């Protein structure tokens, strides 16, 4: 008796603009020039923030910092697809996502300096605090999406994590429940090839992370994470599907972390220099610049103006961050529970922080 084939699956991969800045007209969406410029300018702004953060850490003006250099297309491209009212669940590397959404950079700098008030999102931005524990934000994003469906809201959640996060139980639990309840959730994996010193090929024997969606009955696709236009389209399409009630999507953005894991890491101990340099020439800004030049949207003067404006904006935000009043130490006690316990009241009194 022959063995029956129950089903067949495929994993789609989207690239629109290649490394030479040439777009494939068969998949190129009709994006307005203003949006392309916005993507470019947000990438420059995010990269400027990142460069300044690295310098501030070296000077002892902020603490340990997680760079996103090389991943700007994945972060900015996806962020600009997010609509007002959608909910964002970032990991610790998504500073670029938050900047593209309009999150105050002064608050991000204060967060990286150890001030938890930096994760207090301003009104109008549905952004949860950055998740440092790997993968724990995935069930939160799923749960929020479930609540949106229950309330019949035309909104969606998007949860960010790295390739290492796909090895955590939280990831699998979230995808399983999202598929079962068909919730409006996007799970966005920035596969930057390394989870600290653990290479991508040791995370899973699967050819892609995107194909893990198949096991949970949800949509899964891979995208060139250094192609900002492809990321924008993939995220927009996934969010639209979710809001039409067609369920969740797992997106794997194939990119590369050009800096160390954090400023506490030394990646040269485990990554060959040749690998890093091979990816450096593929970084997102080079590709987008070439594409926009062919369309007549980029000139050297234009980029110089964008760069100066970004530098001025970032430096103003650094000045504002460093001018912020220090947090109240008593807040560690006051906001741990809904009401102060007897022990906390006693400790506040002992420290002289009672008021």
Protein backbone atom coordinates (compact mmCIF):
# COMPACT_ATOMS: atom_id res chain seq x y z
CA UNK A 1 0.00 0.00 0.00
CA UNK A 2 1.57 3.34 -1.03
CA UNK A 3 2.22 6.00 1.59
CA UNK A 4 -0.23 8.87 1.19
CA UNK A 5 0.87 12.50 1.09
CA UNK A 6 -1.31 14.39 3.53
CA UNK A 7 -0.20 17.86 2.55
CA UNK A 8 2.58 19.88 0.94
CA UNK A 9 4.14 23.12 2.15
CA UNK A 10 6.38 25.87 0.89
CA UNK A 11 8.26 28.77 2.44
CA UNK A 12 8.12 32.00 0.46
CA UNK A 13 11.06 34.41 0.34
CA UNK A 14 10.60 38.06 -0.60
CA UNK A 15 13.27 40.33 -1.97
CA UNK A 16 12.35 43.43 -3.96
CA UNK A 17 15.57 45.47 -4.19
CA UNK A 18 18.79 43.58 -4.75
CA UNK A 19 22.24 44.52 -3.47
CA UNK A 20 22.88 46.65 -6.58
CA UNK A 21 19.81 48.78 -5.91
CA UNK A 22 17.75 47.24 -8.71
CA UNK A 23 14.07 46.59 -8.01
CA UNK A 24 12.07 43.65 -9.31
CA UNK A 25 9.03 45.28 -11.00
CA UNK A 26 6.92 42.14 -10.56
CA UNK A 27 6.87 42.54 -6.77
CA UNK A 28 7.65 46.24 -6.32
CA UNK A 29 4.68 47.90 -4.58
CA UNK A 30 3.52 51.35 -5.77
CA UNK A 31 5.11 53.30 -2.92
CA UNK A 32 5.04 57.10 -3.00
CA UNK A 33 8.39 58.87 -3.15
CA UNK A 34 7.66 60.52 0.20
CA UNK A 35 7.47 57.10 1.87
CA UNK A 36 10.79 55.99 0.35
CA UNK A 37 12.40 59.17 1.62
CA UNK A 38 10.84 58.65 5.03
CA UNK A 39 12.32 55.14 5.21
CA UNK A 40 15.76 56.48 4.23
CA UNK A 41 15.60 59.36 6.70
CA UNK A 42 14.41 57.15 9.56
CA UNK A 43 17.26 54.72 8.91
CA UNK A 44 19.76 57.58 9.03
CA UNK A 45 18.18 58.90 12.24
CA UNK A 46 18.18 55.45 13.88
CA UNK A 47 21.78 54.83 12.85
CA UNK A 48 22.84 58.20 14.22
CA UNK A 49 21.13 57.42 17.53
CA UNK A 50 22.93 54.07 17.57
CA UNK A 51 26.35 55.56 16.85
CA UNK A 52 25.90 58.16 19.58
CA UNK A 53 24.73 55.47 22.02
CA UNK A 54 27.91 53.47 21.39
CA UNK A 55 30.00 56.56 22.11
CA UNK A 56 28.03 57.43 25.23
CA UNK A 57 28.54 53.93 26.59
CA UNK A 58 32.29 54.13 26.02
CA UNK A 59 32.31 57.43 27.90
CA UNK A 60 30.35 55.96 30.83
CA UNK A 61 27.32 58.16 30.15
CA UNK A 62 24.96 55.20 29.62
CA UNK A 63 25.22 51.55 30.61
CA UNK A 64 25.50 48.35 28.58
CA UNK A 65 23.93 48.91 25.16
CA UNK A 66 22.64 46.60 22.41
CA UNK A 67 23.52 47.95 18.96
CA UNK A 68 21.27 47.32 15.95
CA UNK A 69 23.80 48.40 13.30
CA UNK A 70 23.08 46.43 10.12
CA UNK A 71 19.49 45.68 11.09
CA UNK A 72 17.97 49.10 10.33
CA UNK A 73 15.99 47.93 7.29
CA UNK A 74 14.31 45.18 9.30
CA UNK A 75 13.50 47.58 12.12
CA UNK A 76 12.49 50.73 10.25
CA UNK A 77 10.80 48.91 7.36
CA UNK A 78 8.56 46.95 9.71
CA UNK A 79 7.91 49.85 12.09
CA UNK A 80 6.61 52.15 9.36
CA UNK A 81 4.03 49.51 8.45
CA UNK A 82 2.56 49.59 11.95
CA UNK A 83 -0.69 51.55 12.22
CA UNK A 84 -1.93 53.72 15.05
CA UNK A 85 -3.61 51.50 17.60
CA UNK A 86 -1.47 48.43 16.93
CA UNK A 87 0.56 47.06 19.83
CA UNK A 88 4.34 46.54 19.79
CA UNK A 89 6.25 44.06 21.95
CA UNK A 90 10.00 44.66 21.49
CA UNK A 91 13.03 42.75 22.63
CA UNK A 92 16.10 44.62 23.88
CA UNK A 93 17.48 45.35 20.38
CA UNK A 94 14.54 47.26 18.96
CA UNK A 95 15.62 50.85 19.63
CA UNK A 96 15.41 51.43 15.86
CA UNK A 97 11.79 50.26 15.78
CA UNK A 98 10.86 52.64 18.57
CA UNK A 99 12.66 55.58 16.95
CA UNK A 100 10.83 54.98 13.65
CA UNK A 101 7.54 54.98 15.58
CA UNK A 102 8.36 58.38 17.09
CA UNK A 103 9.39 57.22 20.57
CA UNK A 104 11.31 60.03 22.31
CA UNK A 105 15.03 59.32 21.97
CA UNK A 106 15.74 61.00 25.31
CA UNK A 107 13.67 58.28 27.00
CA UNK A 108 15.58 55.56 25.18
CA UNK A 109 18.90 57.02 26.29
CA UNK A 110 17.63 57.25 29.86
CA UNK A 111 16.52 53.63 29.71
CA UNK A 112 19.96 52.52 28.55
CA UNK A 113 21.38 54.57 31.42
CA UNK A 114 19.41 52.39 33.85
CA UNK A 115 16.34 54.57 34.37
CA UNK A 116 13.23 52.42 33.97
CA UNK A 117 11.14 55.54 33.40
CA UNK A 118 12.58 55.49 29.91
CA UNK A 119 10.21 52.63 29.08
CA UNK A 120 7.14 54.66 29.97
CA UNK A 121 5.66 55.07 26.51
CA UNK A 122 4.09 58.46 25.74
CA UNK A 123 0.35 58.67 25.00
CA UNK A 124 -0.57 57.40 21.56
CA UNK A 125 2.23 54.83 21.32
CA UNK A 126 1.17 51.31 22.27
CA UNK A 127 4.67 50.06 23.04
CA UNK A 128 5.41 47.60 25.81
CA UNK A 129 8.75 47.85 27.66
CA UNK A 130 11.74 46.20 26.01
CA UNK A 131 12.05 42.56 27.03
CA UNK A 132 15.56 41.61 28.11
CA UNK A 133 14.67 37.99 29.02
CA UNK A 134 14.85 36.15 25.71
CA UNK A 135 11.49 35.29 24.18
CA UNK A 136 9.22 36.07 27.12
CA UNK A 137 7.41 38.82 25.20
CA UNK A 138 5.99 36.37 22.61
CA UNK A 139 3.11 35.11 24.81
CA UNK A 140 2.39 38.73 25.81
CA UNK A 141 2.03 39.72 22.15
CA UNK A 142 -0.21 36.72 21.52
CA UNK A 143 -2.36 37.54 24.54
CA UNK A 144 -2.81 41.15 23.48
CA UNK A 145 -3.86 40.02 20.01
CA UNK A 146 -6.34 37.58 21.54
CA UNK A 147 -7.84 40.46 23.54
CA UNK A 148 -8.15 42.54 20.34
CA UNK A 149 -10.00 39.70 18.64
CA UNK A 150 -12.26 39.24 21.66
CA UNK A 151 -13.11 42.95 21.57
CA UNK A 152 -13.62 42.85 17.78
CA UNK A 153 -11.02 45.58 17.29
CA UNK A 154 -9.40 46.06 13.87
CA UNK A 155 -5.92 46.08 15.38
CA UNK A 156 -2.97 43.73 15.59
CA UNK A 157 0.10 43.09 17.70
CA UNK A 158 3.67 42.68 16.49
CA UNK A 159 6.27 40.91 18.61
CA UNK A 160 10.00 41.22 17.86
CA UNK A 161 12.67 38.67 18.78
CA UNK A 162 15.94 37.30 17.48
CA UNK A 163 16.85 33.91 16.03
CA UNK A 164 17.87 32.77 19.51
CA UNK A 165 14.36 33.53 20.73
CA UNK A 166 12.98 30.87 18.38
CA UNK A 167 14.61 28.22 20.57
CA UNK A 168 12.66 29.25 23.65
CA UNK A 169 9.49 27.51 24.82
CA UNK A 170 7.72 30.90 25.00
CA UNK A 171 8.04 31.22 21.20
CA UNK A 172 6.43 27.84 20.52
CA UNK A 173 3.67 28.32 23.08
CA UNK A 174 2.81 31.71 21.60
CA UNK A 175 2.69 30.44 18.02
CA UNK A 176 0.64 27.42 18.98
CA UNK A 177 -2.01 29.47 20.80
CA UNK A 178 -1.99 32.13 18.08
CA UNK A 179 -2.74 29.46 15.49
CA UNK A 180 -5.41 27.72 17.55
CA UNK A 181 -7.29 30.94 18.26
CA UNK A 182 -6.43 32.62 14.93
CA UNK A 183 -5.44 35.87 16.62
CA UNK A 184 -4.26 39.04 14.80
CA UNK A 185 -0.59 38.71 15.73
CA UNK A 186 2.67 39.16 13.84
CA UNK A 187 5.78 37.40 15.12
CA UNK A 188 8.78 39.19 13.63
CA UNK A 189 12.10 37.34 13.88
CA UNK A 190 15.21 39.36 13.13
CA UNK A 191 17.50 36.52 12.19
CA UNK A 192 20.85 38.30 12.54
CA UNK A 193 22.73 34.97 12.34
CA UNK A 194 24.07 35.00 15.90
CA UNK A 195 22.48 34.65 19.36
CA UNK A 196 25.47 36.09 21.22
CA UNK A 197 28.11 33.50 20.24
CA UNK A 198 25.65 30.80 19.09
CA UNK A 199 25.46 30.66 15.28
CA UNK A 200 22.13 30.34 13.49
CA UNK A 201 22.84 26.78 12.29
CA UNK A 202 23.07 25.58 15.90
CA UNK A 203 19.70 27.04 16.84
CA UNK A 204 17.74 24.62 14.68
CA UNK A 205 18.23 21.91 12.05
CA UNK A 206 15.45 23.52 9.99
CA UNK A 207 16.53 25.32 6.84
CA UNK A 208 14.60 28.43 7.90
CA UNK A 209 12.96 29.80 11.01
CA UNK A 210 9.97 30.86 8.90
CA UNK A 211 9.01 27.24 8.25
CA UNK A 212 8.31 26.73 11.95
CA UNK A 213 4.98 28.43 11.27
CA UNK A 214 3.86 25.35 9.35
CA UNK A 215 3.81 23.22 12.50
CA UNK A 216 1.34 25.63 14.08
CA UNK A 217 -0.95 26.07 11.09
CA UNK A 218 -0.14 29.72 10.54
CA UNK A 219 1.34 31.76 7.71
CA UNK A 220 5.13 31.92 7.58
CA UNK A 221 7.48 33.70 5.23
CA UNK A 222 11.07 34.83 4.92
CA UNK A 223 12.17 38.23 3.71
CA UNK A 224 15.48 39.87 2.86
CA UNK A 225 15.96 41.79 6.09
CA UNK A 226 18.39 44.23 4.48
CA UNK A 227 15.78 45.28 1.91
CA UNK A 228 13.67 47.91 3.68
CA UNK A 229 11.00 47.95 0.95
CA UNK A 230 10.55 44.17 1.08
CA UNK A 231 10.29 44.28 4.87
CA UNK A 232 7.73 47.09 4.66
CA UNK A 233 5.60 45.15 2.18
CA UNK A 234 5.82 41.85 4.07
CA UNK A 235 4.83 43.51 7.35
CA UNK A 236 2.04 45.56 5.77
CA UNK A 237 0.58 42.47 4.11
CA UNK A 238 0.78 40.46 7.34
CA UNK A 239 -0.90 43.21 9.37
CA UNK A 240 -3.65 43.55 6.75
CA UNK A 241 -4.24 39.78 6.81
CA UNK A 242 -4.43 39.82 10.60
CA UNK A 243 -6.98 42.64 10.64
CA UNK A 244 -9.12 40.84 8.04
CA UNK A 245 -9.39 37.95 10.48
CA UNK A 246 -7.06 35.65 8.53
CA UNK A 247 -4.83 34.91 11.49
CA UNK A 248 -1.19 35.33 12.55
CA UNK A 249 2.03 35.41 10.53
CA UNK A 250 5.62 34.53 11.35
CA UNK A 251 8.08 36.71 9.43
CA UNK A 252 11.77 35.84 9.35
CA UNK A 253 13.88 38.84 8.34
CA UNK A 254 17.24 37.52 7.15
CA UNK A 255 19.81 40.12 8.22
CA UNK A 256 23.11 40.46 10.10
CA UNK A 257 24.36 42.04 13.33
CA UNK A 258 27.45 44.04 12.31
CA UNK A 259 28.36 45.07 15.86
CA UNK A 260 28.99 42.99 18.95
CA UNK A 261 26.00 41.42 20.71
CA UNK A 262 26.18 44.24 23.25
CA UNK A 263 28.91 46.56 24.46
CA UNK A 264 29.78 43.84 26.99
CA UNK A 265 30.57 41.36 24.20
CA UNK A 266 33.64 40.81 22.01
CA UNK A 267 32.35 39.17 18.83
CA UNK A 268 35.80 38.83 17.24
CA UNK A 269 36.36 35.89 19.58
CA UNK A 270 33.78 33.79 17.76
CA UNK A 271 33.01 35.45 14.40
CA UNK A 272 35.50 35.42 11.53
CA UNK A 273 36.39 38.89 10.26
CA UNK A 274 35.76 37.78 6.67
CA UNK A 275 32.14 36.97 7.46
CA UNK A 276 31.49 40.38 9.00
CA UNK A 277 33.12 42.22 6.10
CA UNK A 278 31.13 40.19 3.55
CA UNK A 279 27.92 41.32 5.24
CA UNK A 280 29.10 44.90 5.71
CA UNK A 281 28.87 45.62 1.98
CA UNK A 282 25.27 44.33 2.04
CA UNK A 283 24.11 46.69 4.79
CA UNK A 284 20.70 48.33 4.22
CA UNK A 285 21.60 51.97 3.63
CA UNK A 286 23.92 51.20 0.70
CA UNK A 287 21.17 49.29 -1.12
CA UNK A 288 18.45 51.87 -0.50
CA UNK A 289 20.77 54.69 -1.51
CA UNK A 290 21.53 53.02 -4.86
CA UNK A 291 17.85 52.39 -5.50
CA UNK A 292 16.83 55.95 -4.69
CA UNK A 293 19.63 57.37 -6.82
CA UNK A 294 18.30 55.45 -9.82
CA UNK A 295 14.87 56.96 -9.17
CA UNK A 296 16.32 60.46 -8.88
CA UNK A 297 15.45 60.68 -5.18
CA UNK A 298 18.99 60.68 -3.78
CA UNK A 299 21.85 63.13 -4.14
CA UNK A 300 24.93 63.61 -2.01
CA UNK A 301 23.58 67.00 -0.90
CA UNK A 302 20.30 65.36 0.13
CA UNK A 303 22.03 62.76 2.29
CA UNK A 304 24.33 65.34 3.85
CA UNK A 305 21.28 67.39 4.82
CA UNK A 306 19.52 64.34 6.23
CA UNK A 307 22.63 63.38 8.19
CA UNK A 308 23.07 66.86 9.68
CA UNK A 309 19.41 67.05 10.68
CA UNK A 310 19.65 63.62 12.31
CA UNK A 311 22.80 64.55 14.20
CA UNK A 312 21.27 67.79 15.45
CA UNK A 313 18.10 65.99 16.56
CA UNK A 314 20.02 63.25 18.37
CA UNK A 315 22.32 65.70 20.13
CA UNK A 316 19.33 67.72 21.33
CA UNK A 317 17.81 64.54 22.72
CA UNK A 318 21.07 63.63 24.49
CA UNK A 319 21.15 67.08 26.08
CA UNK A 320 17.54 66.66 27.16
CA UNK A 321 18.23 63.19 28.57
CA UNK A 322 21.23 64.39 30.56
CA UNK A 323 19.14 67.26 31.91
CA UNK A 324 16.44 64.98 33.30
CA UNK A 325 15.95 64.84 37.05
CA UNK A 326 17.24 61.68 38.68
CA UNK A 327 14.63 59.08 39.60
CA UNK A 328 13.39 58.81 43.15
CA UNK A 329 15.08 55.79 44.81
CA UNK A 330 11.89 55.21 46.79
CA UNK A 331 10.12 54.29 43.55
CA UNK A 332 11.74 50.86 43.84
CA UNK A 333 9.46 50.30 46.82
CA UNK A 334 6.41 52.31 45.84
CA UNK A 335 5.69 50.66 42.48
CA UNK A 336 6.52 47.02 43.19
CA UNK A 337 3.00 46.21 44.40
CA UNK A 338 -0.34 47.92 44.07
CA UNK A 339 -0.14 48.82 47.77
CA UNK A 340 2.90 49.04 50.02
CA UNK A 341 3.43 46.05 52.26
CA UNK A 342 4.18 46.45 55.98
CA UNK A 343 7.79 45.50 55.30
CA UNK A 344 8.13 48.09 52.54
CA UNK A 345 6.67 50.79 54.77
CA UNK A 346 9.21 49.88 57.45
CA UNK A 347 12.11 49.91 54.97
CA UNK A 348 11.05 53.27 53.53
CA UNK A 349 11.11 54.68 57.05
CA UNK A 350 14.53 53.15 57.77
CA UNK A 351 15.97 54.73 54.62
CA UNK A 352 14.37 58.07 55.41
CA UNK A 353 12.28 57.99 52.22
CA UNK A 354 8.91 58.05 53.91
CA UNK A 355 6.72 60.92 52.83
